Amino acid sequence: MKIVNYSEFRSKLKEYLDTVEHDNEVVFIKRGESNGSVLISVDEYNSINESLHLVSSNKNRERLAESIRQVTKRERDK
């Protein structure tokens, strides 16, 4: 994660956007006394949303947990 202040981010906007997009880097932008902002790539954003969707329902969480148990059991039984 890169941490930059707003002025630096603004002056090197293209560089930071390229870094986020091509290197999958996260950029945290500090803004004075505020909490700041985080810049991530579209791919990272989509991945986070997909993960949230997968665990958003009890049924999906149960299926994922069962799949993990099955894989773990197979690994132990080898």
PDB file of N, CA and C in Angstrom:
ATOM      1  N   MET A   1       0.850  -1.177   0.000  1.00  0.00           N
ATOM      2  CA  MET A   1       0.000   0.000   0.000  1.00  0.00           C
ATOM      3  C   MET A   1       0.891   1.235   0.000  1.00  0.00           C
ATOM      4  N   LYS A   2       0.570   2.136  -0.887  1.00  0.00           N
ATOM      5  CA  LYS A   2       1.258   3.424  -0.924  1.00  0.00           C
ATOM      6  C   LYS A   2       0.397   4.437  -0.177  1.00  0.00           C
ATOM      7  N   ILE A   3       1.041   5.260   0.627  1.00  0.00           N
ATOM      8  CA  ILE A   3       0.341   6.307   1.366  1.00  0.00           C
ATOM      9  C   ILE A   3       0.873   7.648   0.881  1.00  0.00           C
ATOM     10  N   VAL A   4      -0.039   8.487   0.391  1.00  0.00           N
ATOM     11  CA  VAL A   4       0.363   9.788  -0.146  1.00  0.00           C
ATOM     12  C   VAL A   4      -0.594  10.859   0.364  1.00  0.00           C
ATOM     13  N   ASN A   5      -0.118  12.086   0.380  1.00  0.00           N
ATOM     14  CA  ASN A   5      -1.035  13.167   0.728  1.00  0.00           C
ATOM     15  C   ASN A   5      -1.736  13.641  -0.553  1.00  0.00           C
ATOM     16  N   TYR A   6      -2.792  14.388  -0.355  1.00  0.00           N
ATOM     17  CA  TYR A   6      -3.632  14.809  -1.469  1.00  0.00           C
ATOM     18  C   TYR A   6      -2.857  15.603  -2.516  1.00  0.00           C
ATOM     19  N   SER A   7      -2.003  16.506  -2.079  1.00  0.00           N
ATOM     20  CA  SER A   7      -1.252  17.345  -3.030  1.00  0.00           C
ATOM     21  C   SER A   7      -0.340  16.509  -3.914  1.00  0.00           C
ATOM     22  N   GLU A   8       0.362  15.552  -3.296  1.00  0.00           N
ATOM     23  CA  GLU A   8       1.235  14.681  -4.085  1.00  0.00           C
ATOM     24  C   GLU A   8       0.411  13.828  -5.050  1.00  0.00           C
ATOM     25  N   PHE A   9      -0.700  13.292  -4.557  1.00  0.00           N
ATOM     26  CA  PHE A   9      -1.568  12.473  -5.406  1.00  0.00           C
ATOM     27  C   PHE A   9      -2.043  13.270  -6.614  1.00  0.00           C
ATOM     28  N   ARG A  10      -2.487  14.479  -6.360  1.00  0.00           N
ATOM     29  CA  ARG A  10      -2.996  15.332  -7.440  1.00  0.00           C
ATOM     30  C   ARG A  10      -1.902  15.641  -8.460  1.00  0.00           C
ATOM     31  N   SER A  11      -0.699  15.907  -7.994  1.00  0.00           N
ATOM     32  CA  SER A  11       0.378  16.277  -8.921  1.00  0.00           C
ATOM     33  C   SER A  11       0.896  15.086  -9.727  1.00  0.00           C
ATOM     34  N   LYS A  12       0.671  13.868  -9.220  1.00  0.00           N
ATOM     35  CA  LYS A  12       1.140  12.660  -9.919  1.00  0.00           C
ATOM     36  C   LYS A  12      -0.022  11.714 -10.218  1.00  0.00           C
ATOM     37  N   LEU A  13      -1.167  12.281 -10.522  1.00  0.00           N
ATOM     38  CA  LEU A  13      -2.387  11.502 -10.708  1.00  0.00           C
ATOM     39  C   LEU A  13      -2.208  10.355 -11.689  1.00  0.00           C
ATOM     40  N   LYS A  14      -1.693  10.618 -12.880  1.00  0.00           N
ATOM     41  CA  LYS A  14      -1.538   9.571 -13.887  1.00  0.00           C
ATOM     42  C   LYS A  14      -0.628   8.454 -13.377  1.00  0.00           C
ATOM     43  N   GLU A  15       0.462   8.824 -12.733  1.00  0.00           N
ATOM     44  CA  GLU A  15       1.403   7.830 -12.205  1.00  0.00           C
ATOM     45  C   GLU A  15       0.718   6.901 -11.193  1.00  0.00           C
ATOM     46  N   TYR A  16      -0.063   7.481 -10.283  1.00  0.00           N
ATOM     47  CA  TYR A  16      -0.752   6.668  -9.281  1.00  0.00           C
ATOM     48  C   TYR A  16      -1.858   5.820  -9.898  1.00  0.00           C
ATOM     49  N   LEU A  17      -2.581   6.371 -10.853  1.00  0.00           N
ATOM     50  CA  LEU A  17      -3.611   5.582 -11.531  1.00  0.00           C
ATOM     51  C   LEU A  17      -2.986   4.407 -12.274  1.00  0.00           C
ATOM     52  N   ASP A  18      -1.870   4.634 -12.943  1.00  0.00           N
ATOM     53  CA  ASP A  18      -1.171   3.550 -13.641  1.00  0.00           C
ATOM     54  C   ASP A  18      -0.680   2.491 -12.661  1.00  0.00           C
ATOM     55  N   THR A  19      -0.139   2.926 -11.539  1.00  0.00           N
ATOM     56  CA  THR A  19       0.353   1.987 -10.528  1.00  0.00           C
ATOM     57  C   THR A  19      -0.774   1.118  -9.992  1.00  0.00           C
ATOM     58  N   VAL A  20      -1.907   1.733  -9.724  1.00  0.00           N
ATOM     59  CA  VAL A  20      -3.062   0.988  -9.218  1.00  0.00           C
ATOM     60  C   VAL A  20      -3.546  -0.010 -10.263  1.00  0.00           C
ATOM     61  N   GLU A  21      -3.659   0.442 -11.495  1.00  0.00           N
ATOM     62  CA  GLU A  21      -4.196  -0.414 -12.555  1.00  0.00           C
ATOM     63  C   GLU A  21      -3.230  -1.522 -12.963  1.00  0.00           C
ATOM     64  N   HIS A  22      -1.975  -1.192 -13.178  1.00  0.00           N
ATOM     65  CA  HIS A  22      -1.029  -2.163 -13.741  1.00  0.00           C
ATOM     66  C   HIS A  22      -0.319  -3.016 -12.695  1.00  0.00           C
ATOM     67  N   ASP A  23      -0.117  -2.477 -11.504  1.00  0.00           N
ATOM     68  CA  ASP A  23       0.620  -3.205 -10.464  1.00  0.00           C
ATOM     69  C   ASP A  23      -0.282  -3.708  -9.346  1.00  0.00           C
ATOM     70  N   ASN A  24      -1.580  -3.492  -9.506  1.00  0.00           N
ATOM     71  CA  ASN A  24      -2.563  -3.894  -8.495  1.00  0.00           C
ATOM     72  C   ASN A  24      -2.206  -3.341  -7.111  1.00  0.00           C
ATOM     73  N   GLU A  25      -1.681  -2.142  -7.098  1.00  0.00           N
ATOM     74  CA  GLU A  25      -1.282  -1.468  -5.858  1.00  0.00           C
ATOM     75  C   GLU A  25      -2.482  -0.720  -5.285  1.00  0.00           C
ATOM     76  N   VAL A  26      -2.538  -0.622  -3.971  1.00  0.00           N
ATOM     77  CA  VAL A  26      -3.562   0.161  -3.286  1.00  0.00           C
ATOM     78  C   VAL A  26      -2.923   1.485  -2.876  1.00  0.00           C
ATOM     79  N   VAL A  27      -3.638   2.582  -3.106  1.00  0.00           N
ATOM     80  CA  VAL A  27      -3.125   3.899  -2.722  1.00  0.00           C
ATOM     81  C   VAL A  27      -4.068   4.515  -1.692  1.00  0.00           C
ATOM     82  N   PHE A  28      -3.512   4.855  -0.546  1.00  0.00           N
ATOM     83  CA  PHE A  28      -4.255   5.543   0.503  1.00  0.00           C
ATOM     84  C   PHE A  28      -3.922   7.024   0.404  1.00  0.00           C
ATOM     85  N   ILE A  29      -4.946   7.847   0.258  1.00  0.00           N
ATOM     86  CA  ILE A  29      -4.756   9.284   0.063  1.00  0.00           C
ATOM     87  C   ILE A  29      -5.175  10.016   1.341  1.00  0.00           C
ATOM     88  N   LYS A  30      -4.201  10.620   2.009  1.00  0.00           N
ATOM     89  CA  LYS A  30      -4.473  11.372   3.239  1.00  0.00           C
ATOM     90  C   LYS A  30      -4.963  12.766   2.872  1.00  0.00           C
ATOM     91  N   ARG A  31      -5.961  13.247   3.629  1.00  0.00           N
ATOM     92  CA  ARG A  31      -6.509  14.582   3.371  1.00  0.00           C
ATOM     93  C   ARG A  31      -6.669  15.328   4.678  1.00  0.00           C
ATOM     94  N   GLY A  32      -5.597  15.886   5.165  1.00  0.00           N
ATOM     95  CA  GLY A  32      -5.666  16.683   6.383  1.00  0.00           C
ATOM     96  C   GLY A  32      -6.205  15.888   7.552  1.00  0.00           C
ATOM     97  N   GLU A  33      -7.239  16.414   8.184  1.00  0.00           N
ATOM     98  CA  GLU A  33      -7.820  15.781   9.369  1.00  0.00           C
ATOM     99  C   GLU A  33      -8.866  14.719   9.030  1.00  0.00           C
ATOM    100  N   SER A  34      -9.229  14.579   7.763  1.00  0.00           N
ATOM    101  CA  SER A  34     -10.263  13.600   7.399  1.00  0.00           C
ATOM    102  C   SER A  34      -9.678  12.190   7.396  1.00  0.00           C
ATOM    103  N   ASN A  35     -10.544  11.213   7.237  1.00  0.00           N
ATOM    104  CA  ASN A  35     -10.119   9.815   7.200  1.00  0.00           C
ATOM    105  C   ASN A  35      -9.318   9.484   5.958  1.00  0.00           C
ATOM    106  N   GLY A  36      -9.472  10.250   4.917  1.00  0.00           N
ATOM    107  CA  GLY A  36      -8.778   9.976   3.667  1.00  0.00           C
ATOM    108  C   GLY A  36      -9.591   9.072   2.766  1.00  0.00           C
ATOM    109  N   SER A  37      -8.953   8.634   1.694  1.00  0.00           N
ATOM    110  CA  SER A  37      -9.610   7.788   0.703  1.00  0.00           C
ATOM    111  C   SER A  37      -8.654   6.692   0.266  1.00  0.00           C
ATOM    112  N   VAL A  38      -9.237   5.635  -0.299  1.00  0.00           N
ATOM    113  CA  VAL A  38      -8.446   4.518  -0.802  1.00  0.00           C
ATOM    114  C   VAL A  38      -8.761   4.343  -2.277  1.00  0.00           C
ATOM    115  N   LEU A  39      -7.719   4.202  -3.085  1.00  0.00           N
ATOM    116  CA  LEU A  39      -7.871   3.991  -4.519  1.00  0.00           C
ATOM    117  C   LEU A  39      -7.448   2.564  -4.841  1.00  0.00           C
ATOM    118  N   ILE A  40      -8.358   1.810  -5.479  1.00  0.00           N
ATOM    119  CA  ILE A  40      -8.067   0.439  -5.900  1.00  0.00           C
ATOM    120  C   ILE A  40      -8.466   0.283  -7.362  1.00  0.00           C
ATOM    121  N   SER A  41      -7.959  -0.763  -7.996  1.00  0.00           N
ATOM    122  CA  SER A  41      -8.280  -1.010  -9.401  1.00  0.00           C
ATOM    123  C   SER A  41      -9.705  -1.551  -9.540  1.00  0.00           C
ATOM    124  N   VAL A  42     -10.224  -1.482 -10.742  1.00  0.00           N
ATOM    125  CA  VAL A  42     -11.546  -2.042 -11.029  1.00  0.00           C
ATOM    126  C   VAL A  42     -11.539  -3.546 -10.776  1.00  0.00           C
ATOM    127  N   ASP A  43     -10.464  -4.226 -11.158  1.00  0.00           N
ATOM    128  CA  ASP A  43     -10.379  -5.673 -10.918  1.00  0.00           C
ATOM    129  C   ASP A  43     -10.456  -5.990  -9.426  1.00  0.00           C
ATOM    130  N   GLU A  44      -9.744  -5.223  -8.621  1.00  0.00           N
ATOM    131  CA  GLU A  44      -9.764  -5.435  -7.167  1.00  0.00           C
ATOM    132  C   GLU A  44     -11.151  -5.143  -6.609  1.00  0.00           C
ATOM    133  N   TYR A  45     -11.765  -4.080  -7.071  1.00  0.00           N
ATOM    134  CA  TYR A  45     -13.123  -3.728  -6.644  1.00  0.00           C
ATOM    135  C   TYR A  45     -14.107  -4.850  -6.980  1.00  0.00           C
ATOM    136  N   ASN A  46     -14.029  -5.359  -8.207  1.00  0.00           N
ATOM    137  CA  ASN A  46     -14.919  -6.445  -8.616  1.00  0.00           C
ATOM    138  C   ASN A  46     -14.674  -7.704  -7.796  1.00  0.00           C
ATOM    139  N   SER A  47     -13.429  -7.993  -7.499  1.00  0.00           N
ATOM    140  CA  SER A  47     -13.091  -9.157  -6.686  1.00  0.00           C
ATOM    141  C   SER A  47     -13.681  -9.038  -5.282  1.00  0.00           C
ATOM    142  N   ILE A  48     -13.560  -7.870  -4.692  1.00  0.00           N
ATOM    143  CA  ILE A  48     -14.127  -7.640  -3.357  1.00  0.00           C
ATOM    144  C   ILE A  48     -15.638  -7.803  -3.389  1.00  0.00           C
ATOM    145  N   ASN A  49     -16.287  -7.221  -4.389  1.00  0.00           N
ATOM    146  CA  ASN A  49     -17.748  -7.343  -4.489  1.00  0.00           C
ATOM    147  C   ASN A  49     -18.183  -8.783  -4.699  1.00  0.00           C
ATOM    148  N   GLU A  50     -17.445  -9.533  -5.504  1.00  0.00           N
ATOM    149  CA  GLU A  50     -17.787 -10.938  -5.716  1.00  0.00           C
ATOM    150  C   GLU A  50     -17.645 -11.726  -4.417  1.00  0.00           C
ATOM    151  N   SER A  51     -16.575 -11.469  -3.684  1.00  0.00           N
ATOM    152  CA  SER A  51     -16.378 -12.150  -2.397  1.00  0.00           C
ATOM    153  C   SER A  51     -17.502 -11.806  -1.423  1.00  0.00           C
ATOM    154  N   LEU A  52     -17.871 -10.542  -1.376  1.00  0.00           N
ATOM    155  CA  LEU A  52     -18.973 -10.139  -0.499  1.00  0.00           C
ATOM    156  C   LEU A  52     -20.272 -10.825  -0.899  1.00  0.00           C
ATOM    157  N   HIS A  53     -20.507 -10.934  -2.194  1.00  0.00           N
ATOM    158  CA  HIS A  53     -21.713 -11.612  -2.667  1.00  0.00           C
ATOM    159  C   HIS A  53     -21.711 -13.082  -2.250  1.00  0.00           C
ATOM    160  N   LEU A  54     -20.561 -13.732  -2.377  1.00  0.00           N
ATOM    161  CA  LEU A  54     -20.475 -15.157  -2.052  1.00  0.00           C
ATOM    162  C   LEU A  54     -20.758 -15.444  -0.584  1.00  0.00           C
ATOM    163  N   VAL A  55     -20.427 -14.522   0.284  1.00  0.00           N
ATOM    164  CA  VAL A  55     -20.665 -14.750   1.713  1.00  0.00           C
ATOM    165  C   VAL A  55     -21.875 -13.974   2.235  1.00  0.00           C
ATOM    166  N   SER A  56     -22.677 -13.433   1.333  1.00  0.00           N
ATOM    167  CA  SER A  56     -23.799 -12.594   1.756  1.00  0.00           C
ATOM    168  C   SER A  56     -25.000 -13.392   2.250  1.00  0.00           C
ATOM    169  N   SER A  57     -25.075 -14.668   1.918  1.00  0.00           N
ATOM    170  CA  SER A  57     -26.204 -15.464   2.390  1.00  0.00           C
ATOM    171  C   SER A  57     -25.690 -16.656   3.196  1.00  0.00           C
ATOM    172  N   ASN A  58     -26.510 -17.090   4.138  1.00  0.00           N
ATOM    173  CA  ASN A  58     -26.138 -18.248   4.957  1.00  0.00           C
ATOM    174  C   ASN A  58     -25.907 -19.478   4.098  1.00  0.00           C
ATOM    175  N   LYS A  59     -26.757 -19.677   3.112  1.00  0.00           N
ATOM    176  CA  LYS A  59     -26.642 -20.862   2.259  1.00  0.00           C
ATOM    177  C   LYS A  59     -25.294 -20.878   1.528  1.00  0.00           C
ATOM    178  N   ASN A  60     -24.902 -19.758   0.959  1.00  0.00           N
ATOM    179  CA  ASN A  60     -23.602 -19.692   0.281  1.00  0.00           C
ATOM    180  C   ASN A  60     -22.456 -19.929   1.255  1.00  0.00           C
ATOM    181  N   ARG A  61     -22.527 -19.331   2.448  1.00  0.00           N
ATOM    182  CA  ARG A  61     -21.467 -19.530   3.445  1.00  0.00           C
ATOM    183  C   ARG A  61     -21.365 -20.998   3.834  1.00  0.00           C
ATOM    184  N   GLU A  62     -22.518 -21.653   4.004  1.00  0.00           N
ATOM    185  CA  GLU A  62     -22.522 -23.076   4.358  1.00  0.00           C
ATOM    186  C   GLU A  62     -21.924 -23.918   3.237  1.00  0.00           C
ATOM    187  N   ARG A  63     -22.267 -23.617   1.998  1.00  0.00           N
ATOM    188  CA  ARG A  63     -21.702 -24.358   0.860  1.00  0.00           C
ATOM    189  C   ARG A  63     -20.192 -24.172   0.768  1.00  0.00           C
ATOM    190  N   LEU A  64     -19.735 -22.950   0.940  1.00  0.00           N
ATOM    191  CA  LEU A  64     -18.295 -22.687   0.903  1.00  0.00           C
ATOM    192  C   LEU A  64     -17.578 -23.417   2.034  1.00  0.00           C
ATOM    193  N   ALA A  65     -18.146 -23.378   3.232  1.00  0.00           N
ATOM    194  CA  ALA A  65     -17.532 -24.061   4.374  1.00  0.00           C
ATOM    195  C   ALA A  65     -17.472 -25.566   4.133  1.00  0.00           C
ATOM    196  N   GLU A  66     -18.529 -26.137   3.595  1.00  0.00           N
ATOM    197  CA  GLU A  66     -18.548 -27.575   3.296  1.00  0.00           C
ATOM    198  C   GLU A  66     -17.514 -27.920   2.234  1.00  0.00           C
ATOM    199  N   SER A  67     -17.394 -27.110   1.219  1.00  0.00           N
ATOM    200  CA  SER A  67     -16.384 -27.348   0.176  1.00  0.00           C
ATOM    201  C   SER A  67     -14.977 -27.311   0.767  1.00  0.00           C
ATOM    202  N   ILE A  68     -14.731 -26.370   1.634  1.00  0.00           N
ATOM    203  CA  ILE A  68     -13.417 -26.273   2.281  1.00  0.00           C
ATOM    204  C   ILE A  68     -13.164 -27.507   3.139  1.00  0.00           C
ATOM    205  N   ARG A  69     -14.178 -27.963   3.877  1.00  0.00           N
ATOM    206  CA  ARG A  69     -14.024 -29.181   4.692  1.00  0.00           C
ATOM    207  C   ARG A  69     -13.687 -30.377   3.814  1.00  0.00           C
ATOM    208  N   GLN A  70     -14.368 -30.506   2.676  1.00  0.00           N
ATOM    209  CA  GLN A  70     -14.120 -31.635   1.777  1.00  0.00           C
ATOM    210  C   GLN A  70     -12.697 -31.607   1.229  1.00  0.00           C
ATOM    211  N   VAL A  71     -12.245 -30.455   0.803  1.00  0.00           N
ATOM    212  CA  VAL A  71     -10.885 -30.334   0.266  1.00  0.00           C
ATOM    213  C   VAL A  71      -9.863 -30.632   1.359  1.00  0.00           C
ATOM    214  N   THR A  72     -10.088 -30.092   2.548  1.00  0.00           N
ATOM    215  CA  THR A  72      -9.171 -30.324   3.665  1.00  0.00           C
ATOM    216  C   THR A  72      -9.104 -31.803   4.010  1.00  0.00           C
ATOM    217  N   LYS A  73     -10.248 -32.469   4.020  1.00  0.00           N
ATOM    218  CA  LYS A  73     -10.288 -33.903   4.327  1.00  0.00           C
ATOM    219  C   LYS A  73      -9.528 -34.692   3.268  1.00  0.00           C
ATOM    220  N   ARG A  74      -9.729 -34.359   1.998  1.00  0.00           N
ATOM    221  CA  ARG A  74      -9.009 -35.045   0.918  1.00  0.00           C
ATOM    222  C   ARG A  74      -7.503 -34.862   1.047  1.00  0.00           C
ATOM    223  N   GLU A  75      -7.090 -33.656   1.416  1.00  0.00           N
ATOM    224  CA  GLU A  75      -5.658 -33.378   1.585  1.00  0.00           C
ATOM    225  C   GLU A  75      -5.081 -34.220   2.720  1.00  0.00           C
ATOM    226  N   ARG A  76      -5.825 -34.363   3.812  1.00  0.00           N
ATOM    227  CA  ARG A  76      -5.348 -35.160   4.953  1.00  0.00           C
ATOM    228  C   ARG A  76      -5.307 -36.642   4.617  1.00  0.00           C
ATOM    229  N   ASP A  77      -6.247 -37.103   3.786  1.00  0.00           N
ATOM    230  CA  ASP A  77      -6.357 -38.529   3.459  1.00  0.00           C
ATOM    231  C   ASP A  77      -5.341 -38.988   2.424  1.00  0.00           C
ATOM    232  N   LYS A  78      -4.609 -38.086   1.824  1.00  0.00           N
ATOM    233  CA  LYS A  78      -3.628 -38.462   0.791  1.00  0.00           C
ATOM    234  C   LYS A  78      -2.466 -39.212   1.386  1.00  0.00           C
TER     235      LYS A  78
END
